[in-house]
C-alpha atoms as a PDB file:
ATOM      1  CA  MET A   1      27.868 222.632 -11.505  1.00  0.00           C
ATOM      2  CA  VAL A   2      26.395 219.531  -9.963  1.00  0.00           C
ATOM      3  CA  TYR A   3      24.713 219.776  -6.587  1.00  0.00           C
ATOM      4  CA  ARG A   4      24.684 217.049  -3.943  1.00  0.00           C
ATOM      5  CA  LEU A   5      21.391 215.846  -2.512  1.00  0.00           C
ATOM      6  CA  GLN A   6      20.637 215.422   1.164  1.00  0.00           C
ATOM      7  CA  TYR A   7      17.397 214.192   2.657  1.00  0.00           C
ATOM      8  CA  LYS A   8      15.940 214.912   6.070  1.00  0.00           C
ATOM      9  CA  SER A   9      15.222 211.626   7.825  1.00  0.00           C
ATOM     10  CA  SER A  10      11.476 212.323   7.791  1.00  0.00           C
ATOM     11  CA  VAL A  11      11.475 212.451   3.970  1.00  0.00           C
ATOM     12  CA  LYS A  12      12.309 208.752   3.665  1.00  0.00           C
ATOM     13  CA  LYS A  13       9.323 207.953   5.860  1.00  0.00           C
ATOM     14  CA  GLU A  14       7.087 210.201   3.762  1.00  0.00           C
ATOM     15  CA  LEU A  15       8.270 208.500   0.567  1.00  0.00           C
ATOM     16  CA  ARG A  16       7.390 205.046   1.907  1.00  0.00           C
ATOM     17  CA  LYS A  17       3.762 206.139   2.325  1.00  0.00           C
ATOM     18  CA  LEU A  18       3.361 206.892  -1.396  1.00  0.00           C
ATOM     19  CA  SER A  19       2.381 204.500  -4.156  1.00  0.00           C
ATOM     20  CA  ARG A  20       5.225 202.894  -6.070  1.00  0.00           C
ATOM     21  CA  THR A  21       4.627 204.908  -9.261  1.00  0.00           C
ATOM     22  CA  ASP A  22       4.396 208.242  -7.419  1.00  0.00           C
ATOM     23  CA  ARG A  23       7.502 207.388  -5.418  1.00  0.00           C
ATOM     24  CA  MET A  24       9.519 206.517  -8.530  1.00  0.00           C
ATOM     25  CA  THR A  25       8.478 209.689 -10.351  1.00  0.00           C
ATOM     26  CA  ILE A  26       9.179 211.911  -7.347  1.00  0.00           C
ATOM     27  CA  VAL A  27      12.621 210.379  -6.806  1.00  0.00           C
ATOM     28  CA  HIS A  28      13.377 210.936 -10.493  1.00  0.00           C
ATOM     29  CA  LYS A  29      12.347 214.608 -10.222  1.00  0.00           C
ATOM     30  CA  ILE A  30      14.522 214.998  -7.139  1.00  0.00           C
ATOM     31  CA  LYS A  31      17.529 213.526  -8.953  1.00  0.00           C
ATOM     32  CA  LEU A  32      17.038 216.043 -11.773  1.00  0.00           C
ATOM     33  CA  LEU A  33      17.503 218.836  -9.219  1.00  0.00           C
ATOM     34  CA  LYS A  34      21.198 217.902  -9.034  1.00  0.00           C
ATOM     35  CA  LYS A  35      21.798 219.456 -12.456  1.00  0.00           C
ATOM     36  CA  GLU A  36      19.106 222.150 -12.410  1.00  0.00           C
ATOM     37  CA  PRO A  37      18.077 223.254  -8.891  1.00  0.00           C
ATOM     38  CA  ARG A  38      15.477 225.694 -10.216  1.00  0.00           C
ATOM     39  CA  PRO A  39      13.704 223.803 -13.015  1.00  0.00           C
ATOM     40  CA  GLU A  40      10.778 225.180 -14.956  1.00  0.00           C
ATOM     41  CA  GLY A  41       7.735 225.108 -12.707  1.00  0.00           C
ATOM     42  CA  SER A  42       9.654 225.472  -9.461  1.00  0.00           C
ATOM     43  CA  ALA A  43       8.588 228.274  -7.158  1.00  0.00           C
ATOM     44  CA  LYS A  44      10.203 230.048  -4.265  1.00  0.00           C
ATOM     45  CA  LEU A  45       8.073 229.836  -1.125  1.00  0.00           C
ATOM     46  CA  LYS A  46       6.824 233.160   0.157  1.00  0.00           C
ATOM     47  CA  GLY A  47       8.311 234.248   3.454  1.00  0.00           C
ATOM     48  CA  SER A  48      11.456 232.148   3.103  1.00  0.00           C
ATOM     49  CA  ARG A  49      14.893 232.997   1.825  1.00  0.00           C
ATOM     50  CA  ASP A  50      15.923 229.671   0.356  1.00  0.00           C
ATOM     51  CA  LEU A  51      12.949 227.252   0.240  1.00  0.00           C
ATOM     52  CA  PHE A  52      11.537 226.128  -3.093  1.00  0.00           C
ATOM     53  CA  ARG A  53       8.877 223.692  -4.232  1.00  0.00           C
ATOM     54  CA  ILE A  54       8.238 221.557  -7.271  1.00  0.00           C
ATOM     55  CA  ARG A  55       5.020 219.738  -8.065  1.00  0.00           C
ATOM     56  CA  HIS A  56       4.103 216.219  -9.049  1.00  0.00           C
ATOM     57  CA  GLY A  57       0.349 215.907  -9.442  1.00  0.00           C
ATOM     58  CA  ASP A  58      -1.172 216.465  -6.000  1.00  0.00           C
ATOM     59  CA  TYR A  59       2.212 216.126  -4.288  1.00  0.00           C
ATOM     60  CA  ARG A  60       4.750 218.817  -3.458  1.00  0.00           C
ATOM     61  CA  ILE A  61       8.480 218.532  -2.873  1.00  0.00           C
ATOM     62  CA  ILE A  62       9.878 221.240  -0.596  1.00  0.00           C
ATOM     63  CA  TYR A  63      13.626 221.753  -0.765  1.00  0.00           C
ATOM     64  CA  GLN A  64      16.354 224.160   0.247  1.00  0.00           C
ATOM     65  CA  ILE A  65      19.224 225.270  -1.973  1.00  0.00           C
ATOM     66  CA  GLN A  66      22.592 226.040  -0.409  1.00  0.00           C
ATOM     67  CA  ASN A  67      24.507 227.631  -3.271  1.00  0.00           C
ATOM     68  CA  ASN A  68      27.692 228.300  -1.342  1.00  0.00           C
ATOM     69  CA  VAL A  69      28.336 224.555  -0.773  1.00  0.00           C
ATOM     70  CA  LEU A  70      26.326 223.166  -3.739  1.00  0.00           C
ATOM     71  CA  ILE A  71      23.864 221.152  -1.660  1.00  0.00           C
ATOM     72  CA  ILE A  72      20.125 220.640  -2.069  1.00  0.00           C
ATOM     73  CA  ILE A  73      18.324 219.498   1.063  1.00  0.00           C
ATOM     74  CA  ILE A  74      14.961 217.812   0.555  1.00  0.00           C
ATOM     75  CA  ILE A  75      12.852 219.096   3.465  1.00  0.00           C
ATOM     76  CA  ARG A  76       9.395 217.571   2.946  1.00  0.00           C
ATOM     77  CA  ILE A  77       7.290 215.586   0.520  1.00  0.00           C
ATOM     78  CA  GLY A  78       3.540 215.432   0.867  1.00  0.00           C
ATOM     79  CA  HIS A  79       0.049 216.036  -0.445  1.00  0.00           C
ATOM     80  CA  ARG A  80      -0.702 219.612  -1.456  1.00  0.00           C
ATOM     81  CA  ARG A  81      -3.392 220.139   1.194  1.00  0.00           C
ATOM     82  CA  GLU A  82      -1.050 219.164   4.049  1.00  0.00           C
ATOM     83  CA  ILE A  83       2.474 220.075   2.930  1.00  0.00           C
ATOM     84  CA  TYR A  84       2.480 223.741   3.887  1.00  0.00           C
ATOM     85  CA  LYS A  85       1.276 223.205   7.458  1.00  0.00           C
ATOM     86  CA  ASN A  86       4.009 223.672  10.075  1.00  0.00           C
ATOM     87  CA  LEU A  87       6.718 224.722   7.630  1.00  0.00           C
END
């Protein structure tokens, strides 16, 4: 099964703030989620039913998996010290 990716509009803005190398690596990791939505190293966020996170250095990618329609929604991308605020 191959999932479709959707991005919240705020994610594109968050990506533009990153360095080019971080941005490229993060986008690559996001694209890999299409084939494997729960890769090694991913973790389910406590207190949520369907939010997960993957790591890239000091950055975190928060995403939601909708299994019934095969969609992954990228919710937030940010530095580890700020990403979990206001989730």
